[in-house]
N, C-alpha and C. Protein backbone atom coordinates (compact mmCIF):
# COMPACT_ATOMS: atom_id res chain seq x y z
N MET A 1 -27.48 44.76 39.10
CA MET A 1 -26.55 45.29 38.12
C MET A 1 -27.31 45.93 36.96
N ALA A 2 -28.47 45.38 36.66
CA ALA A 2 -29.25 45.96 35.56
C ALA A 2 -29.63 47.40 35.87
N GLY A 3 -29.96 47.67 37.12
CA GLY A 3 -30.29 49.04 37.51
C GLY A 3 -29.11 49.97 37.38
N ASN A 4 -27.91 49.47 37.58
CA ASN A 4 -26.72 50.30 37.48
C ASN A 4 -26.42 50.73 36.05
N VAL A 5 -26.88 49.97 35.08
CA VAL A 5 -26.65 50.34 33.68
C VAL A 5 -27.89 50.95 33.04
N CYS A 6 -28.75 51.48 33.89
CA CYS A 6 -29.93 52.24 33.45
C CYS A 6 -31.00 51.41 32.77
N ALA A 7 -31.08 50.12 33.05
CA ALA A 7 -32.19 49.32 32.52
C ALA A 7 -33.46 49.75 33.24
N ASN A 8 -34.56 49.82 32.53
CA ASN A 8 -35.79 50.22 33.19
C ASN A 8 -36.46 49.00 33.84
N VAL A 9 -37.48 49.25 34.62
CA VAL A 9 -38.13 48.19 35.39
C VAL A 9 -38.70 47.11 34.48
N ASP A 10 -39.28 47.48 33.36
CA ASP A 10 -39.83 46.48 32.46
C ASP A 10 -38.76 45.56 31.90
N GLN A 11 -37.60 46.12 31.58
CA GLN A 11 -36.49 45.30 31.07
C GLN A 11 -35.98 44.35 32.15
N ILE A 12 -35.87 44.85 33.36
CA ILE A 12 -35.41 44.01 34.47
C ILE A 12 -36.41 42.89 34.73
N ARG A 13 -37.68 43.22 34.74
CA ARG A 13 -38.74 42.23 34.99
C ARG A 13 -38.71 41.16 33.90
N HIS A 14 -38.57 41.56 32.66
CA HIS A 14 -38.56 40.60 31.56
C HIS A 14 -37.32 39.70 31.61
N GLN A 15 -36.16 40.29 31.81
CA GLN A 15 -34.91 39.52 31.82
C GLN A 15 -34.88 38.53 32.97
N GLY A 16 -35.34 38.96 34.14
CA GLY A 16 -35.29 38.08 35.31
C GLY A 16 -36.51 37.22 35.50
N ARG A 17 -37.49 37.37 34.59
CA ARG A 17 -38.75 36.62 34.69
C ARG A 17 -39.42 36.85 36.04
N TRP A 18 -39.38 38.10 36.48
CA TRP A 18 -39.99 38.47 37.75
C TRP A 18 -41.48 38.72 37.56
N ASN A 19 -42.29 38.35 38.55
CA ASN A 19 -43.67 38.81 38.54
C ASN A 19 -43.73 40.10 39.37
N ASN A 20 -44.82 40.83 39.29
CA ASN A 20 -44.88 42.15 39.94
C ASN A 20 -44.64 42.09 41.44
N ALA A 21 -45.26 41.13 42.13
CA ALA A 21 -45.11 41.07 43.59
C ALA A 21 -43.68 40.74 43.99
N THR A 22 -43.06 39.83 43.27
CA THR A 22 -41.70 39.42 43.62
C THR A 22 -40.69 40.52 43.35
N ILE A 23 -40.77 41.16 42.20
CA ILE A 23 -39.79 42.19 41.87
C ILE A 23 -39.91 43.37 42.83
N ASN A 24 -41.13 43.73 43.21
CA ASN A 24 -41.30 44.85 44.13
C ASN A 24 -40.79 44.53 45.52
N GLY A 25 -40.94 43.29 45.96
CA GLY A 25 -40.49 42.93 47.30
C GLY A 25 -39.02 42.60 47.42
N ALA A 26 -38.44 42.06 46.35
CA ALA A 26 -37.06 41.57 46.43
C ALA A 26 -36.05 42.43 45.69
N TYR A 27 -36.46 43.06 44.62
CA TYR A 27 -35.49 43.75 43.77
C TYR A 27 -35.60 45.25 43.88
N LEU A 28 -36.78 45.80 43.75
CA LEU A 28 -36.95 47.24 43.76
C LEU A 28 -37.15 47.70 45.20
N THR A 29 -36.11 48.25 45.78
CA THR A 29 -36.18 48.62 47.19
C THR A 29 -36.71 50.02 47.41
N ASN A 30 -36.91 50.76 46.35
CA ASN A 30 -37.39 52.14 46.43
C ASN A 30 -36.43 53.06 47.18
N LEU A 31 -35.20 52.64 47.37
CA LEU A 31 -34.21 53.53 47.98
C LEU A 31 -33.69 54.48 46.91
N PRO A 32 -33.62 55.76 47.22
CA PRO A 32 -33.07 56.71 46.25
C PRO A 32 -31.56 56.51 46.12
N ARG A 33 -31.12 55.98 45.00
CA ARG A 33 -29.72 55.60 44.83
C ARG A 33 -28.76 56.78 44.96
N GLU A 34 -29.13 57.93 44.41
CA GLU A 34 -28.23 59.09 44.51
C GLU A 34 -28.05 59.51 45.96
N LEU A 35 -29.12 59.49 46.74
CA LEU A 35 -29.03 59.85 48.15
C LEU A 35 -28.16 58.85 48.90
N VAL A 36 -28.37 57.57 48.65
CA VAL A 36 -27.58 56.54 49.32
C VAL A 36 -26.11 56.69 48.97
N ARG A 37 -25.80 56.93 47.71
CA ARG A 37 -24.40 57.12 47.31
C ARG A 37 -23.78 58.33 47.99
N SER A 38 -24.51 59.43 48.04
CA SER A 38 -23.94 60.64 48.65
C SER A 38 -23.75 60.48 50.14
N VAL A 39 -24.68 59.82 50.82
CA VAL A 39 -24.57 59.62 52.26
C VAL A 39 -23.38 58.71 52.60
N THR A 40 -23.09 57.76 51.74
CA THR A 40 -21.99 56.84 51.99
C THR A 40 -20.65 57.35 51.48
N GLY A 41 -20.65 58.54 50.88
CA GLY A 41 -19.40 59.15 50.47
C GLY A 41 -18.98 58.89 49.04
N PHE A 42 -19.85 58.27 48.25
CA PHE A 42 -19.54 58.02 46.85
C PHE A 42 -20.10 59.15 46.01
N PRO A 43 -19.45 59.47 44.91
CA PRO A 43 -19.98 60.53 44.03
C PRO A 43 -21.29 60.09 43.39
N THR A 44 -22.19 61.04 43.20
CA THR A 44 -23.49 60.72 42.61
C THR A 44 -23.48 60.84 41.10
N TYR A 45 -22.45 61.41 40.53
CA TYR A 45 -22.44 61.67 39.09
C TYR A 45 -21.82 60.54 38.28
N VAL A 46 -21.30 59.52 38.91
CA VAL A 46 -20.72 58.39 38.17
C VAL A 46 -21.58 57.15 38.37
N ARG A 47 -21.62 56.31 37.38
CA ARG A 47 -22.42 55.09 37.46
C ARG A 47 -21.62 53.93 38.05
N PHE A 48 -20.33 53.89 37.78
CA PHE A 48 -19.51 52.78 38.24
C PHE A 48 -18.39 53.30 39.12
N PHE A 49 -18.07 52.56 40.11
CA PHE A 49 -16.99 52.92 41.02
C PHE A 49 -16.42 51.65 41.60
N TYR A 50 -15.31 51.77 42.25
CA TYR A 50 -14.72 50.60 42.90
C TYR A 50 -14.33 51.00 44.31
N LEU A 51 -14.22 50.03 45.15
CA LEU A 51 -13.78 50.27 46.52
C LEU A 51 -12.27 50.13 46.56
N ALA A 52 -11.59 51.21 46.88
CA ALA A 52 -10.13 51.19 46.88
C ALA A 52 -9.61 50.15 47.87
N ARG A 53 -10.32 49.94 48.96
CA ARG A 53 -9.85 48.97 49.95
C ARG A 53 -9.85 47.55 49.42
N ALA A 54 -10.62 47.29 48.36
CA ALA A 54 -10.65 45.96 47.77
C ALA A 54 -9.34 45.64 47.07
N ALA A 55 -8.55 46.66 46.76
CA ALA A 55 -7.28 46.47 46.07
C ALA A 55 -6.13 46.26 47.06
N LEU A 56 -6.40 46.42 48.33
CA LEU A 56 -5.34 46.27 49.33
C LEU A 56 -5.08 44.80 49.62
N ASN A 57 -3.83 44.50 49.89
CA ASN A 57 -3.45 43.15 50.28
C ASN A 57 -2.86 43.25 51.68
N PRO A 58 -3.66 42.96 52.72
CA PRO A 58 -3.16 43.14 54.09
C PRO A 58 -2.04 42.15 54.40
N PRO A 59 -1.14 42.55 55.30
CA PRO A 59 -0.04 41.64 55.66
C PRO A 59 -0.56 40.38 56.35
N THR A 60 0.18 39.30 56.18
CA THR A 60 -0.21 38.01 56.76
C THR A 60 -0.34 38.10 58.27
N SER A 61 0.53 38.89 58.91
CA SER A 61 0.46 39.01 60.37
C SER A 61 -0.88 39.58 60.82
N LEU A 62 -1.42 40.55 60.08
CA LEU A 62 -2.73 41.11 60.41
C LEU A 62 -3.83 40.08 60.17
N CYS A 63 -3.73 39.37 59.07
CA CYS A 63 -4.73 38.34 58.77
C CYS A 63 -4.77 37.27 59.86
N LYS A 64 -3.60 36.89 60.37
CA LYS A 64 -3.54 35.88 61.42
C LYS A 64 -4.14 36.39 62.72
N LYS A 65 -4.01 37.69 62.98
CA LYS A 65 -4.63 38.25 64.19
C LYS A 65 -6.15 38.27 64.06
N LEU A 66 -6.63 38.58 62.88
CA LEU A 66 -8.07 38.66 62.67
C LEU A 66 -8.70 37.28 62.51
N PHE A 67 -7.99 36.40 61.86
CA PHE A 67 -8.48 35.05 61.59
C PHE A 67 -7.43 34.03 62.03
N PRO A 68 -7.41 33.68 63.31
CA PRO A 68 -6.34 32.83 63.84
C PRO A 68 -6.21 31.48 63.13
N ALA A 69 -7.28 30.94 62.60
CA ALA A 69 -7.21 29.63 61.97
C ALA A 69 -6.98 29.74 60.46
N ILE A 70 -6.45 30.86 60.00
CA ILE A 70 -6.30 31.10 58.55
C ILE A 70 -5.35 30.10 57.89
N GLY A 71 -4.39 29.60 58.60
CA GLY A 71 -3.44 28.67 58.00
C GLY A 71 -3.89 27.23 58.00
N GLU A 72 -4.99 26.96 58.64
CA GLU A 72 -5.45 25.55 58.74
C GLU A 72 -6.30 25.14 57.58
């Protein structure tokens, strides 16, 4: 989340108490974020977005088909 609000690597390292080896292996993936966003269909010019599907409430009948033990 710190990367999403434009925190630089030094700020992230300090806040998370990361050492260089750990932050490079676990946090900084070196993936170009704008490219990843554009390939997945998200706009590259906005910092925050939401998944519209997260706002959907599927019908109970569909949930029961996908997860038969949902009522237990």
